[in-house]
């Protein structure tokens, strides 16, 4: 992992601001990071999966990530929270290593 993931994401300034101030909650899951927006009355209605690929929050299941250009606020929120991103990235690397066949002699 060389450059910070935020340096590799294309995003609008407003997206970066929202990723900083909205009340996001994060949960590591097998597929990536579950991001829940607790700023809403019903946070579970605003819960999306961010996948990490090649050291980058690469995709999100939210409508904005599918329909707008650039990274969504959920992907940016993961990227700017180093402890969340590093944990998800390291967990993915461990899983990738575990999936490799073990050489026996």
C-alpha atoms as a PDB file:
ATOM      1  CA  UNK A   1       0.000   0.000   0.000  1.00  0.00           C
ATOM      2  CA  UNK A   2       1.900   3.048  -1.207  1.00  0.00           C
ATOM      3  CA  UNK A   3      -0.204   6.198  -1.613  1.00  0.00           C
ATOM      4  CA  UNK A   4      -2.956   7.048   0.831  1.00  0.00           C
ATOM      5  CA  UNK A   5      -6.291   5.782  -0.574  1.00  0.00           C
ATOM      6  CA  UNK A   6      -7.729   9.295  -0.420  1.00  0.00           C
ATOM      7  CA  UNK A   7      -5.081  10.412  -2.931  1.00  0.00           C
ATOM      8  CA  UNK A   8      -6.340   7.776  -5.375  1.00  0.00           C
ATOM      9  CA  UNK A   9     -10.063   8.537  -5.133  1.00  0.00           C
ATOM     10  CA  UNK A  10     -11.843  10.944  -7.448  1.00  0.00           C
ATOM     11  CA  UNK A  11     -14.425  12.894  -5.426  1.00  0.00           C
ATOM     12  CA  UNK A  12     -16.242  16.199  -5.174  1.00  0.00           C
ATOM     13  CA  UNK A  13     -15.344  18.612  -2.372  1.00  0.00           C
ATOM     14  CA  UNK A  14     -18.896  18.335  -1.013  1.00  0.00           C
ATOM     15  CA  UNK A  15     -18.536  14.544  -0.828  1.00  0.00           C
ATOM     16  CA  UNK A  16     -15.335  14.907   1.192  1.00  0.00           C
ATOM     17  CA  UNK A  17     -17.041  17.327   3.587  1.00  0.00           C
ATOM     18  CA  UNK A  18     -20.044  15.035   4.089  1.00  0.00           C
ATOM     19  CA  UNK A  19     -17.741  12.052   4.663  1.00  0.00           C
ATOM     20  CA  UNK A  20     -16.111  14.022   7.487  1.00  0.00           C
ATOM     21  CA  UNK A  21     -19.135  15.340   9.372  1.00  0.00           C
ATOM     22  CA  UNK A  22     -21.888  12.735   8.980  1.00  0.00           C
ATOM     23  CA  UNK A  23     -22.251  10.265  11.855  1.00  0.00           C
ATOM     24  CA  UNK A  24     -21.009   7.079  10.220  1.00  0.00           C
ATOM     25  CA  UNK A  25     -20.693   3.762  12.018  1.00  0.00           C
ATOM     26  CA  UNK A  26     -18.414   1.054  10.631  1.00  0.00           C
ATOM     27  CA  UNK A  27     -18.451  -2.719  10.915  1.00  0.00           C
ATOM     28  CA  UNK A  28     -15.926  -5.093   9.402  1.00  0.00           C
ATOM     29  CA  UNK A  29     -17.643  -7.910   7.558  1.00  0.00           C
ATOM     30  CA  UNK A  30     -16.333 -10.683   5.351  1.00  0.00           C
ATOM     31  CA  UNK A  31     -17.005  -8.742   2.149  1.00  0.00           C
ATOM     32  CA  UNK A  32     -15.561  -5.384   3.306  1.00  0.00           C
ATOM     33  CA  UNK A  33     -16.855  -2.583   5.537  1.00  0.00           C
ATOM     34  CA  UNK A  34     -20.504  -2.108   6.384  1.00  0.00           C
ATOM     35  CA  UNK A  35     -21.105   1.655   6.648  1.00  0.00           C
ATOM     36  CA  UNK A  36     -24.199   2.852   8.511  1.00  0.00           C
ATOM     37  CA  UNK A  37     -25.213   6.506   8.543  1.00  0.00           C
ATOM     38  CA  UNK A  38     -26.419   7.256  12.076  1.00  0.00           C
ATOM     39  CA  UNK A  39     -27.277  10.829  11.026  1.00  0.00           C
ATOM     40  CA  UNK A  40     -30.640   9.486   9.826  1.00  0.00           C
ATOM     41  CA  UNK A  41     -33.673   8.654  11.946  1.00  0.00           C
ATOM     42  CA  UNK A  42     -33.499   5.013  10.778  1.00  0.00           C
ATOM     43  CA  UNK A  43     -29.781   4.268  10.298  1.00  0.00           C
ATOM     44  CA  UNK A  44     -30.427   0.681   9.181  1.00  0.00           C
ATOM     45  CA  UNK A  45     -32.188   2.116   6.105  1.00  0.00           C
ATOM     46  CA  UNK A  46     -28.898   3.839   5.237  1.00  0.00           C
ATOM     47  CA  UNK A  47     -26.469   0.938   5.466  1.00  0.00           C
ATOM     48  CA  UNK A  48     -24.138   0.086   2.588  1.00  0.00           C
ATOM     49  CA  UNK A  49     -21.253  -2.256   1.871  1.00  0.00           C
ATOM     50  CA  UNK A  50     -17.917  -0.747   0.836  1.00  0.00           C
ATOM     51  CA  UNK A  51     -15.523  -3.203  -0.782  1.00  0.00           C
ATOM     52  CA  UNK A  52     -11.748  -2.803  -0.654  1.00  0.00           C
ATOM     53  CA  UNK A  53      -9.799  -3.811  -3.744  1.00  0.00           C
ATOM     54  CA  UNK A  54      -6.124  -3.229  -4.503  1.00  0.00           C
ATOM     55  CA  UNK A  55      -5.714  -1.037  -1.411  1.00  0.00           C
ATOM     56  CA  UNK A  56      -8.647   1.217  -2.280  1.00  0.00           C
ATOM     57  CA  UNK A  57     -12.301   1.559  -1.209  1.00  0.00           C
ATOM     58  CA  UNK A  58     -13.321   0.443  -4.675  1.00  0.00           C
ATOM     59  CA  UNK A  59     -17.099   0.129  -4.660  1.00  0.00           C
ATOM     60  CA  UNK A  60     -20.184   0.778  -2.569  1.00  0.00           C
ATOM     61  CA  UNK A  61     -23.704  -0.604  -2.757  1.00  0.00           C
ATOM     62  CA  UNK A  62     -25.300   2.852  -2.351  1.00  0.00           C
ATOM     63  CA  UNK A  63     -27.243   4.436  -5.238  1.00  0.00           C
ATOM     64  CA  UNK A  64     -24.889   7.436  -5.419  1.00  0.00           C
ATOM     65  CA  UNK A  65     -21.869   5.255  -6.139  1.00  0.00           C
ATOM     66  CA  UNK A  66     -23.715   3.648  -9.024  1.00  0.00           C
ATOM     67  CA  UNK A  67     -25.310   6.748 -10.550  1.00  0.00           C
ATOM     68  CA  UNK A  68     -22.795   9.561  -9.968  1.00  0.00           C
ATOM     69  CA  UNK A  69     -19.264  10.107 -11.112  1.00  0.00           C
ATOM     70  CA  UNK A  70     -16.531   9.855  -8.485  1.00  0.00           C
ATOM     71  CA  UNK A  71     -16.432   8.128  -5.125  1.00  0.00           C
ATOM     72  CA  UNK A  72     -19.465   8.251  -2.853  1.00  0.00           C
ATOM     73  CA  UNK A  73     -19.319   9.600   0.704  1.00  0.00           C
ATOM     74  CA  UNK A  74     -19.258   6.057   2.146  1.00  0.00           C
ATOM     75  CA  UNK A  75     -16.100   5.112   0.227  1.00  0.00           C
ATOM     76  CA  UNK A  76     -14.486   8.427   1.208  1.00  0.00           C
ATOM     77  CA  UNK A  77     -15.559   7.959   4.844  1.00  0.00           C
ATOM     78  CA  UNK A  78     -13.710   4.618   4.934  1.00  0.00           C
ATOM     79  CA  UNK A  79     -10.639   6.115   3.231  1.00  0.00           C
ATOM     80  CA  UNK A  80     -10.285   9.031   5.663  1.00  0.00           C
ATOM     81  CA  UNK A  81     -10.612   6.897   8.778  1.00  0.00           C
ATOM     82  CA  UNK A  82      -7.216   5.232   8.832  1.00  0.00           C
ATOM     83  CA  UNK A  83      -8.033   2.716  11.568  1.00  0.00           C
ATOM     84  CA  UNK A  84     -11.151   1.524   9.695  1.00  0.00           C
ATOM     85  CA  UNK A  85      -9.428   1.339   6.314  1.00  0.00           C
ATOM     86  CA  UNK A  86      -6.269  -0.316   7.654  1.00  0.00           C
ATOM     87  CA  UNK A  87      -8.300  -2.922   9.542  1.00  0.00           C
ATOM     88  CA  UNK A  88     -10.399  -3.767   6.476  1.00  0.00           C
ATOM     89  CA  UNK A  89      -7.346  -3.829   4.204  1.00  0.00           C
ATOM     90  CA  UNK A  90      -5.367  -6.071   6.558  1.00  0.00           C
ATOM     91  CA  UNK A  91      -8.316  -8.420   7.048  1.00  0.00           C
ATOM     92  CA  UNK A  92      -8.662  -8.718   3.273  1.00  0.00           C
ATOM     93  CA  UNK A  93      -4.938  -9.499   2.917  1.00  0.00           C
ATOM     94  CA  UNK A  94      -5.131 -12.214   5.597  1.00  0.00           C
ATOM     95  CA  UNK A  95      -8.139 -13.764   3.850  1.00  0.00           C
ATOM     96  CA  UNK A  96      -6.332 -13.638   0.497  1.00  0.00           C
ATOM     97  CA  UNK A  97      -3.288 -15.337   2.008  1.00  0.00           C
ATOM     98  CA  UNK A  98      -5.453 -17.943   3.707  1.00  0.00           C
ATOM     99  CA  UNK A  99      -7.089 -18.794   0.398  1.00  0.00           C
ATOM    100  CA  UNK A 100      -3.750 -19.720  -1.205  1.00  0.00           C
ATOM    101  CA  UNK A 101      -2.914 -23.401  -1.418  1.00  0.00           C
ATOM    102  CA  UNK A 102      -0.427 -24.551   1.199  1.00  0.00           C
ATOM    103  CA  UNK A 103       2.699 -26.198  -0.194  1.00  0.00           C
ATOM    104  CA  UNK A 104       3.485 -29.543   1.387  1.00  0.00           C
ATOM    105  CA  UNK A 105       6.589 -31.628   1.075  1.00  0.00           C
END
